[in-house]
PDB file of N, CA and C in Angstrom:
ATOM      1  N   LEU A   1     140.857 143.840 122.995  1.00  0.00           N
ATOM      2  CA  LEU A   1     141.075 145.173 122.499  1.00  0.00           C
ATOM      3  C   LEU A   1     139.822 146.014 122.693  1.00  0.00           C
ATOM      4  N   LYS A   2     140.051 147.273 123.052  1.00  0.00           N
ATOM      5  CA  LYS A   2     138.935 148.195 123.252  1.00  0.00           C
ATOM      6  C   LYS A   2     138.629 148.905 121.938  1.00  0.00           C
ATOM      7  N   PRO A   3     137.359 149.255 121.735  1.00  0.00           N
ATOM      8  CA  PRO A   3     137.031 149.999 120.517  1.00  0.00           C
ATOM      9  C   PRO A   3     137.696 151.369 120.518  1.00  0.00           C
ATOM     10  N   LEU A   4     137.932 151.890 119.339  1.00  0.00           N
ATOM     11  CA  LEU A   4     138.610 153.177 119.173  1.00  0.00           C
ATOM     12  C   LEU A   4     137.849 154.298 119.866  1.00  0.00           C
ATOM     13  N   SER A   5     136.521 154.269 119.816  1.00  0.00           N
ATOM     14  CA  SER A   5     135.732 155.339 120.444  1.00  0.00           C
ATOM     15  C   SER A   5     135.963 155.385 121.948  1.00  0.00           C
ATOM     16  N   THR A   6     136.119 154.226 122.597  1.00  0.00           N
ATOM     17  CA  THR A   6     136.398 154.179 124.031  1.00  0.00           C
ATOM     18  C   THR A   6     137.749 154.797 124.326  1.00  0.00           C
ATOM     19  N   LEU A   7     138.740 154.467 123.519  1.00  0.00           N
ATOM     20  CA  LEU A   7     140.073 155.030 123.720  1.00  0.00           C
ATOM     21  C   LEU A   7     140.077 156.535 123.500  1.00  0.00           C
ATOM     22  N   LEU A   8     139.355 157.002 122.493  1.00  0.00           N
ATOM     23  CA  LEU A   8     139.333 158.431 122.193  1.00  0.00           C
ATOM     24  C   LEU A   8     138.649 159.233 123.284  1.00  0.00           C
ATOM     25  N   THR A   9     137.604 158.686 123.907  1.00  0.00           N
ATOM     26  CA  THR A   9     136.938 159.431 124.974  1.00  0.00           C
ATOM     27  C   THR A   9     137.843 159.579 126.179  1.00  0.00           C
ATOM     28  N   LYS A  10     138.749 158.651 126.388  1.00  0.00           N
ATOM     29  CA  LYS A  10     139.710 158.778 127.484  1.00  0.00           C
ATOM     30  C   LYS A  10     140.789 159.800 127.145  1.00  0.00           C
ATOM     31  N   LEU A  11     141.154 159.901 125.870  1.00  0.00           N
ATOM     32  CA  LEU A  11     142.205 160.820 125.455  1.00  0.00           C
ATOM     33  C   LEU A  11     141.720 162.260 125.344  1.00  0.00           C
ATOM     34  N   ILE A  12     140.452 162.445 125.028  1.00  0.00           N
ATOM     35  CA  ILE A  12     139.910 163.781 124.784  1.00  0.00           C
ATOM     36  C   ILE A  12     138.917 164.118 125.895  1.00  0.00           C
ATOM     37  N   PRO A  13     139.126 165.200 126.628  1.00  0.00           N
ATOM     38  CA  PRO A  13     138.209 165.554 127.712  1.00  0.00           C
ATOM     39  C   PRO A  13     136.782 165.746 127.200  1.00  0.00           C
ATOM     40  N   ALA A  14     135.816 165.415 128.046  1.00  0.00           N
ATOM     41  CA  ALA A  14     134.405 165.506 127.668  1.00  0.00           C
ATOM     42  C   ALA A  14     133.985 166.936 127.387  1.00  0.00           C
ATOM     43  N   GLU A  15     134.620 167.910 128.042  1.00  0.00           N
ATOM     44  CA  GLU A  15     134.214 169.305 127.848  1.00  0.00           C
ATOM     45  C   GLU A  15     134.743 169.906 126.546  1.00  0.00           C
ATOM     46  N   ALA A  16     135.596 169.193 125.828  1.00  0.00           N
ATOM     47  CA  ALA A  16     136.129 169.716 124.569  1.00  0.00           C
ATOM     48  C   ALA A  16     135.010 169.814 123.542  1.00  0.00           C
ATOM     49  N   ASN A  17     135.079 170.848 122.696  1.00  0.00           N
ATOM     50  CA  ASN A  17     134.038 170.998 121.675  1.00  0.00           C
ATOM     51  C   ASN A  17     134.243 169.968 120.566  1.00  0.00           C
ATOM     52  N   ASP A  18     133.249 169.853 119.700  1.00  0.00           N
ATOM     53  CA  ASP A  18     133.273 168.829 118.651  1.00  0.00           C
ATOM     54  C   ASP A  18     134.462 168.980 117.710  1.00  0.00           C
ATOM     55  N   GLU A  19     134.819 170.218 117.386  1.00  0.00           N
ATOM     56  CA  GLU A  19     135.923 170.445 116.459  1.00  0.00           C
ATOM     57  C   GLU A  19     137.252 169.979 117.059  1.00  0.00           C
ATOM     58  N   THR A  20     137.465 170.275 118.339  1.00  0.00           N
ATOM     59  CA  THR A  20     138.684 169.832 119.025  1.00  0.00           C
ATOM     60  C   THR A  20     138.723 168.311 119.083  1.00  0.00           C
ATOM     61  N   ARG A  21     137.577 167.719 119.401  1.00  0.00           N
ATOM     62  CA  ARG A  21     137.508 166.253 119.483  1.00  0.00           C
ATOM     63  C   ARG A  21     137.833 165.632 118.120  1.00  0.00           C
ATOM     64  N   ARG A  22     137.288 166.199 117.045  1.00  0.00           N
ATOM     65  CA  ARG A  22     137.536 165.683 115.704  1.00  0.00           C
ATOM     66  C   ARG A  22     139.019 165.793 115.338  1.00  0.00           C
ATOM     67  N   ALA A  23     139.639 166.921 115.663  1.00  0.00           N
ATOM     68  CA  ALA A  23     141.055 167.139 115.348  1.00  0.00           C
ATOM     69  C   ALA A  23     141.934 166.147 116.100  1.00  0.00           C
ATOM     70  N   LYS A  24     141.659 165.955 117.392  1.00  0.00           N
ATOM     71  CA  LYS A  24     142.457 165.010 118.182  1.00  0.00           C
ATOM     72  C   LYS A  24     142.237 163.582 117.691  1.00  0.00           C
ATOM     73  N   SER A  25     141.004 163.284 117.287  1.00  0.00           N
ATOM     74  CA  SER A  25     140.698 161.958 116.756  1.00  0.00           C
ATOM     75  C   SER A  25     141.501 161.687 115.486  1.00  0.00           C
ATOM     76  N   LEU A  26     141.568 162.686 114.604  1.00  0.00           N
ATOM     77  CA  LEU A  26     142.338 162.531 113.368  1.00  0.00           C
ATOM     78  C   LEU A  26     143.822 162.360 113.653  1.00  0.00           C
ATOM     79  N   GLN A  27     144.355 163.092 114.640  1.00  0.00           N
ATOM     80  CA  GLN A  27     145.766 162.953 115.009  1.00  0.00           C
ATOM     81  C   GLN A  27     146.046 161.541 115.491  1.00  0.00           C
ATOM     82  N   THR A  28     145.166 161.017 116.355  1.00  0.00           N
ATOM     83  CA  THR A  28     145.351 159.671 116.898  1.00  0.00           C
ATOM     84  C   THR A  28     145.317 158.635 115.782  1.00  0.00           C
ATOM     85  N   CYS A  29     144.346 158.751 114.879  1.00  0.00           N
ATOM     86  CA  CYS A  29     144.240 157.797 113.768  1.00  0.00           C
ATOM     87  C   CYS A  29     145.453 157.891 112.853  1.00  0.00           C
ATOM     88  N   SER A  30     145.936 159.103 112.616  1.00  0.00           N
ATOM     89  CA  SER A  30     147.105 159.298 111.763  1.00  0.00           C
ATOM     90  C   SER A  30     148.336 158.641 112.368  1.00  0.00           C
ATOM     91  N   LYS A  31     148.522 158.789 113.685  1.00  0.00           N
ATOM     92  CA  LYS A  31     149.667 158.169 114.363  1.00  0.00           C
ATOM     93  C   LYS A  31     149.588 156.653 114.246  1.00  0.00           C
ATOM     94  N   ARG A  32     148.394 156.103 114.431  1.00  0.00           N
ATOM     95  CA  ARG A  32     148.239 154.647 114.327  1.00  0.00           C
ATOM     96  C   ARG A  32     148.520 154.172 112.911  1.00  0.00           C
ATOM     97  N   ARG A  33     148.077 154.921 111.904  1.00  0.00           N
ATOM     98  CA  ARG A  33     148.313 154.538 110.516  1.00  0.00           C
ATOM     99  C   ARG A  33     149.807 154.549 110.220  1.00  0.00           C
ATOM    100  N   ASN A  34     150.513 155.580 110.695  1.00  0.00           N
ATOM    101  CA  ASN A  34     151.956 155.650 110.479  1.00  0.00           C
ATOM    102  C   ASN A  34     152.657 154.470 111.128  1.00  0.00           C
ATOM    103  N   LEU A  35     152.223 154.087 112.332  1.00  0.00           N
ATOM    104  CA  LEU A  35     152.821 152.948 113.023  1.00  0.00           C
ATOM    105  C   LEU A  35     152.563 151.664 112.248  1.00  0.00           C
ATOM    106  N   SER A  36     151.329 151.480 111.760  1.00  0.00           N
ATOM    107  CA  SER A  36     151.033 150.252 111.013  1.00  0.00           C
ATOM    108  C   SER A  36     151.773 150.225 109.682  1.00  0.00           C
ATOM    109  N   ASP A  37     151.963 151.391 109.035  1.00  0.00           N
ATOM    110  CA  ASP A  37     152.743 151.442 107.798  1.00  0.00           C
ATOM    111  C   ASP A  37     154.184 151.045 108.065  1.00  0.00           C
ATOM    112  N   LYS A  38     154.747 151.526 109.164  1.00  0.00           N
ATOM    113  CA  LYS A  38     156.126 151.209 109.516  1.00  0.00           C
ATOM    114  C   LYS A  38     156.267 149.713 109.791  1.00  0.00           C
ATOM    115  N   MET A  39     155.290 149.126 110.513  1.00  0.00           N
ATOM    116  CA  MET A  39     155.349 147.701 110.822  1.00  0.00           C
ATOM    117  C   MET A  39     155.216 146.872 109.547  1.00  0.00           C
ATOM    118  N   ALA A  40     154.392 147.324 108.605  1.00  0.00           N
ATOM    119  CA  ALA A  40     154.192 146.577 107.363  1.00  0.00           C
ATOM    120  C   ALA A  40     155.447 146.580 106.504  1.00  0.00           C
ATOM    121  N   SER A  41     156.286 147.605 106.640  1.00  0.00           N
ATOM    122  CA  SER A  41     157.486 147.687 105.811  1.00  0.00           C
ATOM    123  C   SER A  41     158.652 146.887 106.389  1.00  0.00           C
ATOM    124  N   GLN A  42     158.520 146.395 107.617  1.00  0.00           N
ATOM    125  CA  GLN A  42     159.593 145.607 108.216  1.00  0.00           C
ATOM    126  C   GLN A  42     159.577 144.193 107.642  1.00  0.00           C
ATOM    127  N   LEU A  43     160.761 143.591 107.557  1.00  0.00           N
ATOM    128  CA  LEU A  43     160.890 142.245 107.026  1.00  0.00           C
ATOM    129  C   LEU A  43     161.042 141.271 108.189  1.00  0.00           C
ATOM    130  N   LEU A  44     160.140 140.314 108.297  1.00  0.00           N
ATOM    131  CA  LEU A  44     160.197 139.325 109.365  1.00  0.00           C
ATOM    132  C   LEU A  44     161.239 138.260 109.030  1.00  0.00           C
ATOM    133  N   PRO A  45     161.793 137.588 110.056  1.00  0.00           N
ATOM    134  CA  PRO A  45     162.860 136.602 109.809  1.00  0.00           C
ATOM    135  C   PRO A  45     162.490 135.520 108.789  1.00  0.00           C
ATOM    136  N   LEU A  46     161.313 134.915 108.926  1.00  0.00           N
ATOM    137  CA  LEU A  46     160.940 133.860 107.975  1.00  0.00           C
ATOM    138  C   LEU A  46     160.738 134.421 106.568  1.00  0.00           C
ATOM    139  N   GLU A  47     160.320 135.688 106.473  1.00  0.00           N
ATOM    140  CA  GLU A  47     160.191 136.315 105.152  1.00  0.00           C
ATOM    141  C   GLU A  47     161.556 136.499 104.505  1.00  0.00           C
ATOM    142  N   LEU A  48     162.552 136.855 105.304  1.00  0.00           N
ATOM    143  CA  LEU A  48     163.913 137.001 104.781  1.00  0.00           C
ATOM    144  C   LEU A  48     164.430 135.656 104.285  1.00  0.00           C
ATOM    145  N   ILE A  49     164.226 134.603 105.075  1.00  0.00           N
ATOM    146  CA  ILE A  49     164.677 133.271 104.664  1.00  0.00           C
ATOM    147  C   ILE A  49     163.955 132.858 103.381  1.00  0.00           C
ATOM    148  N   ASP A  50     162.662 133.163 103.295  1.00  0.00           N
ATOM    149  CA  ASP A  50     161.895 132.817 102.093  1.00  0.00           C
ATOM    150  C   ASP A  50     162.469 133.508 100.856  1.00  0.00           C
ATOM    151  N   LYS A  51     162.952 134.728 101.009  1.00  0.00           N
ATOM    152  CA  LYS A  51     163.565 135.442  99.881  1.00  0.00           C
ATOM    153  C   LYS A  51     164.884 134.793  99.455  1.00  0.00           C
ATOM    154  N   CYS A  52     165.480 133.979 100.334  1.00  0.00           N
ATOM    155  CA  CYS A  52     166.761 133.335 100.034  1.00  0.00           C
ATOM    156  C   CYS A  52     166.605 131.995  99.318  1.00  0.00           C
ATOM    157  N   VAL A  53     165.378 131.484  99.205  1.00  0.00           N
ATOM    158  CA  VAL A  53     165.171 130.202  98.526  1.00  0.00           C
ATOM    159  C   VAL A  53     165.673 130.327  97.092  1.00  0.00           C
ATOM    160  N   GLY A  54     166.509 129.368  96.691  1.00  0.00           N
ATOM    161  CA  GLY A  54     167.106 129.379  95.360  1.00  0.00           C
ATOM    162  C   GLY A  54     168.444 130.095  95.310  1.00  0.00           C
ATOM    163  N   SER A  55     168.849 130.697  96.426  1.00  0.00           N
ATOM    164  CA  SER A  55     170.116 131.436  96.491  1.00  0.00           C
ATOM    165  C   SER A  55     171.104 130.726  97.408  1.00  0.00           C
ATOM    166  N   ARG A  56     172.351 131.154  97.314  1.00  0.00           N
ATOM    167  CA  ARG A  56     173.392 130.612  98.190  1.00  0.00           C
ATOM    168  C   ARG A  56     173.202 131.172  99.593  1.00  0.00           C
ATOM    169  N   ILE A  57     173.470 130.321 100.585  1.00  0.00           N
ATOM    170  CA  ILE A  57     173.345 130.718 101.978  1.00  0.00           C
ATOM    171  C   ILE A  57     174.423 130.012 102.789  1.00  0.00           C
ATOM    172  N   TRP A  58     174.934 130.692 103.777  1.00  0.00           N
ATOM    173  CA  TRP A  58     175.948 130.140 104.680  1.00  0.00           C
ATOM    174  C   TRP A  58     175.263 129.932 106.017  1.00  0.00           C
ATOM    175  N   VAL A  59     175.320 128.700 106.541  1.00  0.00           N
ATOM    176  CA  VAL A  59     174.639 128.336 107.782  1.00  0.00           C
ATOM    177  C   VAL A  59     175.680 127.953 108.828  1.00  0.00           C
ATOM    178  N   VAL A  60     175.670 128.659 109.952  1.00  0.00           N
ATOM    179  CA  VAL A  60     176.559 128.345 111.073  1.00  0.00           C
ATOM    180  C   VAL A  60     175.737 127.559 112.086  1.00  0.00           C
ATOM    181  N   MET A  61     176.232 126.369 112.428  1.00  0.00           N
ATOM    182  CA  MET A  61     175.519 125.476 113.333  1.00  0.00           C
ATOM    183  C   MET A  61     176.082 125.564 114.746  1.00  0.00           C
ATOM    184  N   LYS A  62     175.308 125.045 115.710  1.00  0.00           N
ATOM    185  CA  LYS A  62     175.846 124.846 117.053  1.00  0.00           C
ATOM    186  C   LYS A  62     176.942 123.798 116.923  1.00  0.00           C
ATOM    187  N   GLY A  63     177.953 123.872 117.748  1.00  0.00           N
ATOM    188  CA  GLY A  63     179.038 122.898 117.653  1.00  0.00           C
ATOM    189  C   GLY A  63     180.115 123.398 116.726  1.00  0.00           C
ATOM    190  N   ASP A  64     180.654 122.499 115.902  1.00  0.00           N
ATOM    191  CA  ASP A  64     181.827 122.865 115.095  1.00  0.00           C
ATOM    192  C   ASP A  64     181.601 122.743 113.594  1.00  0.00           C
ATOM    193  N   LYS A  65     180.373 122.912 113.134  1.00  0.00           N
ATOM    194  CA  LYS A  65     180.088 122.744 111.704  1.00  0.00           C
ATOM    195  C   LYS A  65     179.478 124.007 111.102  1.00  0.00           C
ATOM    196  N   GLU A  66     179.794 124.215 109.830  1.00  0.00           N
ATOM    197  CA  GLU A  66     179.192 125.271 109.024  1.00  0.00           C
ATOM    198  C   GLU A  66     178.909 124.683 107.651  1.00  0.00           C
ATOM    199  N   PHE A  67     177.857 125.177 107.013  1.00  0.00           N
ATOM    200  CA  PHE A  67     177.471 124.682 105.698  1.00  0.00           C
ATOM    201  C   PHE A  67     177.231 125.863 104.765  1.00  0.00           C
ATOM    202  N   SER A  68     177.623 125.684 103.524  1.00  0.00           N
ATOM    203  CA  SER A  68     177.331 126.670 102.494  1.00  0.00           C
ATOM    204  C   SER A  68     176.704 125.923 101.328  1.00  0.00           C
ATOM    205  N   GLY A  69     175.546 126.408 100.871  1.00  0.00           N
ATOM    206  CA  GLY A  69     174.875 125.736  99.771  1.00  0.00           C
ATOM    207  C   GLY A  69     173.710 126.555  99.259  1.00  0.00           C
ATOM    208  N   THR A  70     172.993 125.977  98.306  1.00  0.00           N
ATOM    209  CA  THR A  70     171.812 126.624  97.739  1.00  0.00           C
ATOM    210  C   THR A  70     170.593 126.178  98.525  1.00  0.00           C
ATOM    211  N   LEU A  71     169.845 127.141  99.050  1.00  0.00           N
ATOM    212  CA  LEU A  71     168.662 126.838  99.853  1.00  0.00           C
ATOM    213  C   LEU A  71     167.524 126.386  98.942  1.00  0.00           C
ATOM    214  N   LEU A  72     167.091 125.123  99.138  1.00  0.00           N
ATOM    215  CA  LEU A  72     165.965 124.594  98.362  1.00  0.00           C
ATOM    216  C   LEU A  72     164.637 124.869  99.048  1.00  0.00           C
ATOM    217  N   GLY A  73     164.635 124.849 100.393  1.00  0.00           N
ATOM    218  CA  GLY A  73     163.395 125.071 101.125  1.00  0.00           C
ATOM    219  C   GLY A  73     163.617 124.999 102.620  1.00  0.00           C
ATOM    220  N   PHE A  74     162.569 125.381 103.366  1.00  0.00           N
ATOM    221  CA  PHE A  74     162.614 125.360 104.824  1.00  0.00           C
ATOM    222  C   PHE A  74     161.178 125.270 105.330  1.00  0.00           C
ATOM    223  N   ASP A  75     161.035 124.995 106.638  1.00  0.00           N
ATOM    224  CA  ASP A  75     159.700 124.947 107.230  1.00  0.00           C
ATOM    225  C   ASP A  75     159.609 125.948 108.383  1.00  0.00           C
ATOM    226  N   ASP A  76     158.498 125.906 109.124  1.00  0.00           N
ATOM    227  CA  ASP A  76     158.283 126.855 110.222  1.00  0.00           C
ATOM    228  C   ASP A  76     159.288 126.689 111.353  1.00  0.00           C
ATOM    229  N   TYR A  77     159.931 125.524 111.441  1.00  0.00           N
ATOM    230  CA  TYR A  77     160.943 125.284 112.477  1.00  0.00           C
ATOM    231  C   TYR A  77     162.338 125.621 111.967  1.00  0.00           C
ATOM    232  N   VAL A  78     162.435 126.161 110.783  1.00  0.00           N
ATOM    233  CA  VAL A  78     163.671 126.532 110.096  1.00  0.00           C
ATOM    234  C   VAL A  78     164.546 125.308 109.819  1.00  0.00           C
ATOM    235  N   ASN A  79     163.938 124.106 109.746  1.00  0.00           N
ATOM    236  CA  ASN A  79     164.649 122.968 109.177  1.00  0.00           C
ATOM    237  C   ASN A  79     164.887 123.339 107.722  1.00  0.00           C
ATOM    238  N   MET A  80     166.096 123.061 107.210  1.00  0.00           N
ATOM    239  CA  MET A  80     166.450 123.521 105.869  1.00  0.00           C
ATOM    240  C   MET A  80     166.975 122.396 105.005  1.00  0.00           C
ATOM    241  N   VAL A  81     166.671 122.472 103.715  1.00  0.00           N
ATOM    242  CA  VAL A  81     167.263 121.575 102.727  1.00  0.00           C
ATOM    243  C   VAL A  81     168.169 122.428 101.846  1.00  0.00           C
ATOM    244  N   LEU A  82     169.444 122.019 101.766  1.00  0.00           N
ATOM    245  CA  LEU A  82     170.431 122.695 100.924  1.00  0.00           C
ATOM    246  C   LEU A  82     170.936 121.719  99.880  1.00  0.00           C
ATOM    247  N   GLU A  83     171.294 122.226  98.697  1.00  0.00           N
ATOM    248  CA  GLU A  83     171.938 121.396  97.681  1.00  0.00           C
ATOM    249  C   GLU A  83     173.265 122.032  97.291  1.00  0.00           C
ATOM    250  N   ASP A  84     174.114 121.226  96.624  1.00  0.00           N
ATOM    251  CA  ASP A  84     175.447 121.684  96.226  1.00  0.00           C
ATOM    252  C   ASP A  84     176.158 122.281  97.442  1.00  0.00           C
ATOM    253  N   VAL A  85     176.299 121.446  98.470  1.00  0.00           N
ATOM    254  CA  VAL A  85     176.718 121.884  99.805  1.00  0.00           C
ATOM    255  C   VAL A  85     178.202 121.640 100.033  1.00  0.00           C
ATOM    256  N   THR A  86     178.818 122.574 100.727  1.00  0.00           N
ATOM    257  CA  THR A  86     180.160 122.373 101.269  1.00  0.00           C
ATOM    258  C   THR A  86     180.033 122.425 102.781  1.00  0.00           C
ATOM    259  N   GLU A  87     180.514 121.369 103.449  1.00  0.00           N
ATOM    260  CA  GLU A  87     180.501 121.294 104.910  1.00  0.00           C
ATOM    261  C   GLU A  87     181.882 121.674 105.418  1.00  0.00           C
ATOM    262  N   PHE A  88     181.934 122.608 106.347  1.00  0.00           N
ATOM    263  CA  PHE A  88     183.192 123.061 106.940  1.00  0.00           C
ATOM    264  C   PHE A  88     183.191 122.698 108.418  1.00  0.00           C
ATOM    265  N   ASP A  89     184.352 122.320 108.944  1.00  0.00           N
ATOM    266  CA  ASP A  89     184.481 122.198 110.394  1.00  0.00           C
ATOM    267  C   ASP A  89     185.607 123.121 110.844  1.00  0.00           C
ATOM    268  N   TYR A  90     185.743 123.294 112.148  1.00  0.00           N
ATOM    269  CA  TYR A  90     186.696 124.279 112.660  1.00  0.00           C
ATOM    270  C   TYR A  90     188.148 123.828 112.566  1.00  0.00           C
ATOM    271  N   SER A  91     188.380 122.567 112.179  1.00  0.00           N
ATOM    272  CA  SER A  91     189.759 122.112 111.984  1.00  0.00           C
ATOM    273  C   SER A  91     190.267 122.489 110.589  1.00  0.00           C
ATOM    274  N   GLY A  92     189.398 123.077 109.759  1.00  0.00           N
ATOM    275  CA  GLY A  92     189.809 123.511 108.423  1.00  0.00           C
ATOM    276  C   GLY A  92     189.425 122.550 107.318  1.00  0.00           C
ATOM    277  N   ASN A  93     188.878 121.393 107.665  1.00  0.00           N
ATOM    278  CA  ASN A  93     188.456 120.417 106.650  1.00  0.00           C
ATOM    279  C   ASN A  93     187.140 120.853 106.012  1.00  0.00           C
ATOM    280  N   HIS A  94     186.970 120.471 104.744  1.00  0.00           N
ATOM    281  CA  HIS A  94     185.679 120.694 104.112  1.00  0.00           C
ATOM    282  C   HIS A  94     185.323 119.500 103.235  1.00  0.00           C
ATOM    283  N   THR A  95     184.016 119.235 103.155  1.00  0.00           N
ATOM    284  CA  THR A  95     183.492 118.089 102.431  1.00  0.00           C
ATOM    285  C   THR A  95     182.377 118.564 101.508  1.00  0.00           C
ATOM    286  N   LYS A  96     182.363 118.057 100.275  1.00  0.00           N
ATOM    287  CA  LYS A  96     181.298 118.386  99.320  1.00  0.00           C
ATOM    288  C   LYS A  96     180.170 117.364  99.466  1.00  0.00           C
ATOM    289  N   LEU A  97     178.925 117.854  99.486  1.00  0.00           N
ATOM    290  CA  LEU A  97     177.749 116.996  99.589  1.00  0.00           C
ATOM    291  C   LEU A  97     176.728 117.441  98.539  1.00  0.00           C
ATOM    292  N   PRO A  98     176.021 116.484  97.913  1.00  0.00           N
ATOM    293  CA  PRO A  98     175.032 116.887  96.910  1.00  0.00           C
ATOM    294  C   PRO A  98     173.800 117.560  97.528  1.00  0.00           C
ATOM    295  N   LYS A  99     173.359 117.068  98.695  1.00  0.00           N
ATOM    296  CA  LYS A  99     172.145 117.589  99.324  1.00  0.00           C
ATOM    297  C   LYS A  99     172.181 117.253 100.808  1.00  0.00           C
ATOM    298  N   ILE A 100     171.577 118.127 101.639  1.00  0.00           N
ATOM    299  CA  ILE A 100     171.564 117.881 103.081  1.00  0.00           C
ATOM    300  C   ILE A 100     170.317 118.504 103.704  1.00  0.00           C
ATOM    301  N   LEU A 101     169.827 117.873 104.777  1.00  0.00           N
ATOM    302  CA  LEU A 101     168.726 118.400 105.583  1.00  0.00           C
ATOM    303  C   LEU A 101     169.305 118.828 106.923  1.00  0.00           C
ATOM    304  N   LEU A 102     169.122 120.096 107.293  1.00  0.00           N
ATOM    305  CA  LEU A 102     169.638 120.619 108.554  1.00  0.00           C
ATOM    306  C   LEU A 102     168.490 120.815 109.536  1.00  0.00           C
ATOM    307  N   ASN A 103     168.704 120.399 110.786  1.00  0.00           N
ATOM    308  CA  ASN A 103     167.717 120.579 111.845  1.00  0.00           C
ATOM    309  C   ASN A 103     167.759 122.029 112.324  1.00  0.00           C
ATOM    310  N   GLY A 104     166.632 122.715 112.276  1.00  0.00           N
ATOM    311  CA  GLY A 104     166.560 124.115 112.671  1.00  0.00           C
ATOM    312  C   GLY A 104     166.958 124.378 114.111  1.00  0.00           C
ATOM    313  N   ASN A 105     166.798 123.370 114.997  1.00  0.00           N
ATOM    314  CA  ASN A 105     167.185 123.552 116.403  1.00  0.00           C
ATOM    315  C   ASN A 105     168.682 123.748 116.562  1.00  0.00           C
ATOM    316  N   ASN A 106     169.455 123.309 115.600  1.00  0.00           N
ATOM    317  CA  ASN A 106     170.914 123.387 115.707  1.00  0.00           C
ATOM    318  C   ASN A 106     171.519 124.535 114.903  1.00  0.00           C
ATOM    319  N   ILE A 107     170.682 125.355 114.292  1.00  0.00           N
ATOM    320  CA  ILE A 107     171.181 126.483 113.498  1.00  0.00           C
ATOM    321  C   ILE A 107     171.364 127.697 114.403  1.00  0.00           C
ATOM    322  N   CYS A 108     172.568 128.276 114.358  1.00  0.00           N
ATOM    323  CA  CYS A 108     172.861 129.485 115.141  1.00  0.00           C
ATOM    324  C   CYS A 108     172.689 130.749 114.320  1.00  0.00           C
ATOM    325  N   MET A 109     173.154 130.715 113.069  1.00  0.00           N
ATOM    326  CA  MET A 109     173.174 131.941 112.276  1.00  0.00           C
ATOM    327  C   MET A 109     173.069 131.606 110.796  1.00  0.00           C
ATOM    328  N   LEU A 110     172.391 132.484 110.057  1.00  0.00           N
ATOM    329  CA  LEU A 110     172.254 132.356 108.608  1.00  0.00           C
ATOM    330  C   LEU A 110     172.836 133.600 107.956  1.00  0.00           C
ATOM    331  N   ILE A 111     173.646 133.396 106.924  1.00  0.00           N
ATOM    332  CA  ILE A 111     174.234 134.514 106.195  1.00  0.00           C
ATOM    333  C   ILE A 111     173.822 134.392 104.727  1.00  0.00           C
ATOM    334  N   PRO A 112     172.792 135.154 104.313  1.00  0.00           N
ATOM    335  CA  PRO A 112     172.377 135.096 102.906  1.00  0.00           C
ATOM    336  C   PRO A 112     173.513 135.526 101.986  1.00  0.00           C
ATOM    337  N   GLY A 113     173.736 134.754 100.927  1.00  0.00           N
ATOM    338  CA  GLY A 113     174.791 135.070  99.970  1.00  0.00           C
ATOM    339  C   GLY A 113     176.169 134.645 100.418  1.00  0.00           C
ATOM    340  N   GLY A 114     176.282 134.106 101.638  1.00  0.00           N
ATOM    341  CA  GLY A 114     177.586 133.700 102.165  1.00  0.00           C
ATOM    342  C   GLY A 114     178.103 132.437 101.519  1.00  0.00           C
ATOM    343  N   GLU A 115     179.421 132.332 101.421  1.00  0.00           N
ATOM    344  CA  GLU A 115     180.059 131.163 100.804  1.00  0.00           C
ATOM    345  C   GLU A 115     180.882 130.357 101.803  1.00  0.00           C
ATOM    346  N   GLY A 116     180.739 130.608 103.067  1.00  0.00           N
ATOM    347  CA  GLY A 116     181.483 129.848 104.063  1.00  0.00           C
ATOM    348  C   GLY A 116     182.685 130.609 104.575  1.00  0.00           C
ATOM    349  N   PRO A 117     183.456 129.956 105.448  1.00  0.00           N
ATOM    350  CA  PRO A 117     184.619 130.612 106.046  1.00  0.00           C
ATOM    351  C   PRO A 117     185.623 131.073 104.984  1.00  0.00           C
ATOM    352  N   VAL A 118     186.251 132.195 105.218  1.00  0.00           N
ATOM    353  CA  VAL A 118     187.191 132.787 104.260  1.00  0.00           C
ATOM    354  C   VAL A 118     188.418 131.912 104.069  1.00  0.00           C
ATOM    355  N   ASN A 119     188.889 131.279 105.139  1.00  0.00           N
ATOM    356  CA  ASN A 119     190.134 130.507 105.068  1.00  0.00           C
ATOM    357  C   ASN A 119     189.941 129.100 104.529  1.00  0.00           C
ATOM    358  N   ALA A 120     188.762 128.772 103.990  1.00  0.00           N
ATOM    359  CA  ALA A 120     188.516 127.401 103.522  1.00  0.00           C
ATOM    360  C   ALA A 120     189.106 127.162 102.165  1.00  0.00           C
TER     361      ALA A 120
END
């Protein structure tokens, strides 16, 4: 990364007076601050999952399985531990499980607050 002063000298012509340079410098800094404020207000995927810990979540897996349960925890690979789980398959069957560990590589979609397929 280049220092801000280097970037500003490229943006503001050398013949500009000090007042013009100061005004353009403030505009540039203001734009950067607004951009960083906007980025700080965005919710990252792992932050969203972290907010779901302790809540019900519906997990759609690769293949023919879906799970609905209470999220106990997860790691950086999105491996998840769920409790009070209902396992659904596409044939319409469902199975109750006390606890399960899901491999994050096989997770396609997460639905916070979801309770599983409607027709179950």
